[in-house]
Amino acid sequence: MKARRLLTEGRVRVLNANEDDGFVSAEVRGDSARIYTVSYDAGDNGWRCSCPTVGVCSHIRTVMLIVVCEPREAS
């Protein structure tokens, strides 16, 4: 699985993880050595990546391997 390889090769860097806001941002260095920005926003459209792939790409899957995003109950 490509996402596991990117992770084990140390190609991911988490920039921000805010559990209270349900927000995560990270950078993932792809095979072309380009750095892509991956983010998750529970209050917005979920996962996003700056790469040209449509849908859930390997960069998003890489960050998903190390981040647990659970829905919160309303207070």
C-alpha atoms as a PDB file:
ATOM      1  CA  MET A   1       0.000   0.000   0.000  1.00  0.00           C
ATOM      2  CA  LYS A   2       1.514   3.292  -1.114  1.00  0.00           C
ATOM      3  CA  ALA A   3       0.266   5.228   1.913  1.00  0.00           C
ATOM      4  CA  ARG A   4       2.119   2.900   4.295  1.00  0.00           C
ATOM      5  CA  ARG A   5       5.293   3.278   2.257  1.00  0.00           C
ATOM      6  CA  LEU A   6       5.068   7.086   2.351  1.00  0.00           C
ATOM      7  CA  LEU A   7       4.598   6.912   6.110  1.00  0.00           C
ATOM      8  CA  THR A   8       7.436   4.463   6.790  1.00  0.00           C
ATOM      9  CA  GLU A   9       9.767   6.519   4.595  1.00  0.00           C
ATOM     10  CA  GLY A  10       9.102   9.544   6.833  1.00  0.00           C
ATOM     11  CA  ARG A  11       7.343  11.589   4.178  1.00  0.00           C
ATOM     12  CA  VAL A  12       4.611  13.022   6.388  1.00  0.00           C
ATOM     13  CA  ARG A  13       4.761  15.971   8.749  1.00  0.00           C
ATOM     14  CA  VAL A  14       1.760  16.972  10.853  1.00  0.00           C
ATOM     15  CA  LEU A  15       1.591  20.753  11.033  1.00  0.00           C
ATOM     16  CA  ASN A  16      -1.502  21.221  13.175  1.00  0.00           C
ATOM     17  CA  ALA A  17      -3.896  18.940  15.018  1.00  0.00           C
ATOM     18  CA  ASN A  18      -6.694  20.580  16.969  1.00  0.00           C
ATOM     19  CA  GLU A  19      -9.032  18.058  18.544  1.00  0.00           C
ATOM     20  CA  ASP A  20     -11.450  20.714  19.816  1.00  0.00           C
ATOM     21  CA  ASP A  21     -11.948  22.214  16.350  1.00  0.00           C
ATOM     22  CA  GLY A  22     -11.777  18.879  14.510  1.00  0.00           C
ATOM     23  CA  PHE A  23      -8.976  20.167  12.283  1.00  0.00           C
ATOM     24  CA  VAL A  24      -5.761  18.536  11.048  1.00  0.00           C
ATOM     25  CA  SER A  25      -3.205  19.774   8.535  1.00  0.00           C
ATOM     26  CA  ALA A  26      -0.118  17.969   7.285  1.00  0.00           C
ATOM     27  CA  GLU A  27       2.430  17.930   4.491  1.00  0.00           C
ATOM     28  CA  VAL A  28       3.199  14.780   2.535  1.00  0.00           C
ATOM     29  CA  ARG A  29       6.146  14.486   0.145  1.00  0.00           C
ATOM     30  CA  GLY A  30       5.000  12.504  -2.864  1.00  0.00           C
ATOM     31  CA  ASP A  31       7.022  10.271  -5.176  1.00  0.00           C
ATOM     32  CA  SER A  32       7.805  13.250  -7.416  1.00  0.00           C
ATOM     33  CA  ALA A  33       9.376  15.016  -4.379  1.00  0.00           C
ATOM     34  CA  ARG A  34       6.575  17.596  -4.443  1.00  0.00           C
ATOM     35  CA  ILE A  35       5.074  18.469  -1.105  1.00  0.00           C
ATOM     36  CA  TYR A  36       1.287  18.295  -0.910  1.00  0.00           C
ATOM     37  CA  THR A  37      -0.876  19.847   1.776  1.00  0.00           C
ATOM     38  CA  VAL A  38      -3.458  17.544   3.319  1.00  0.00           C
ATOM     39  CA  SER A  39      -6.147  18.784   5.662  1.00  0.00           C
ATOM     40  CA  TYR A  40      -9.204  17.504   7.485  1.00  0.00           C
ATOM     41  CA  ASP A  41     -11.929  19.807   8.755  1.00  0.00           C
ATOM     42  CA  ALA A  42     -14.847  18.191  10.567  1.00  0.00           C
ATOM     43  CA  GLY A  43     -16.938  21.331  10.130  1.00  0.00           C
ATOM     44  CA  ASP A  44     -16.264  21.660   6.397  1.00  0.00           C
ATOM     45  CA  ASN A  45     -15.940  19.114   3.599  1.00  0.00           C
ATOM     46  CA  GLY A  46     -13.740  16.607   5.399  1.00  0.00           C
ATOM     47  CA  TRP A  47     -10.473  15.559   3.723  1.00  0.00           C
ATOM     48  CA  ARG A  48      -8.670  17.674   1.110  1.00  0.00           C
ATOM     49  CA  CYS A  49      -5.342  17.430  -0.685  1.00  0.00           C
ATOM     50  CA  SER A  50      -3.540  19.920  -2.907  1.00  0.00           C
ATOM     51  CA  CYS A  51      -2.558  17.216  -5.436  1.00  0.00           C
ATOM     52  CA  PRO A  52      -4.446  16.919  -8.738  1.00  0.00           C
ATOM     53  CA  THR A  53      -6.015  13.543  -7.894  1.00  0.00           C
ATOM     54  CA  VAL A  54      -9.801  13.509  -7.617  1.00  0.00           C
ATOM     55  CA  GLY A  55     -11.097  11.742  -4.516  1.00  0.00           C
ATOM     56  CA  VAL A  56      -9.126  10.110  -1.732  1.00  0.00           C
ATOM     57  CA  CYS A  57      -5.474  10.053  -2.810  1.00  0.00           C
ATOM     58  CA  SER A  58      -2.483   8.267  -1.280  1.00  0.00           C
ATOM     59  CA  HIS A  59      -1.471  11.501   0.490  1.00  0.00           C
ATOM     60  CA  ILE A  60      -4.806  11.624   2.333  1.00  0.00           C
ATOM     61  CA  ARG A  61      -4.582   7.888   3.094  1.00  0.00           C
ATOM     62  CA  THR A  62      -1.110   8.436   4.562  1.00  0.00           C
ATOM     63  CA  VAL A  63      -2.376  11.039   7.023  1.00  0.00           C
ATOM     64  CA  MET A  64      -5.428   8.869   7.784  1.00  0.00           C
ATOM     65  CA  LEU A  65      -3.054   6.173   9.026  1.00  0.00           C
ATOM     66  CA  ILE A  66      -1.857   8.378  11.882  1.00  0.00           C
ATOM     67  CA  VAL A  67      -4.912  10.521  12.652  1.00  0.00           C
ATOM     68  CA  VAL A  68      -8.132   9.346  14.236  1.00  0.00           C
ATOM     69  CA  CYS A  69     -11.094  11.589  13.439  1.00  0.00           C
ATOM     70  CA  GLU A  70     -14.166  10.733  15.446  1.00  0.00           C
ATOM     71  CA  PRO A  71     -17.448  12.629  15.376  1.00  0.00           C
ATOM     72  CA  ARG A  72     -18.155  14.562  18.552  1.00  0.00           C
ATOM     73  CA  GLU A  73     -21.473  14.643  20.334  1.00  0.00           C
ATOM     74  CA  ALA A  74     -23.127  18.022  20.618  1.00  0.00           C
ATOM     75  CA  SER A  75     -22.631  19.660  24.017  1.00  0.00           C
END
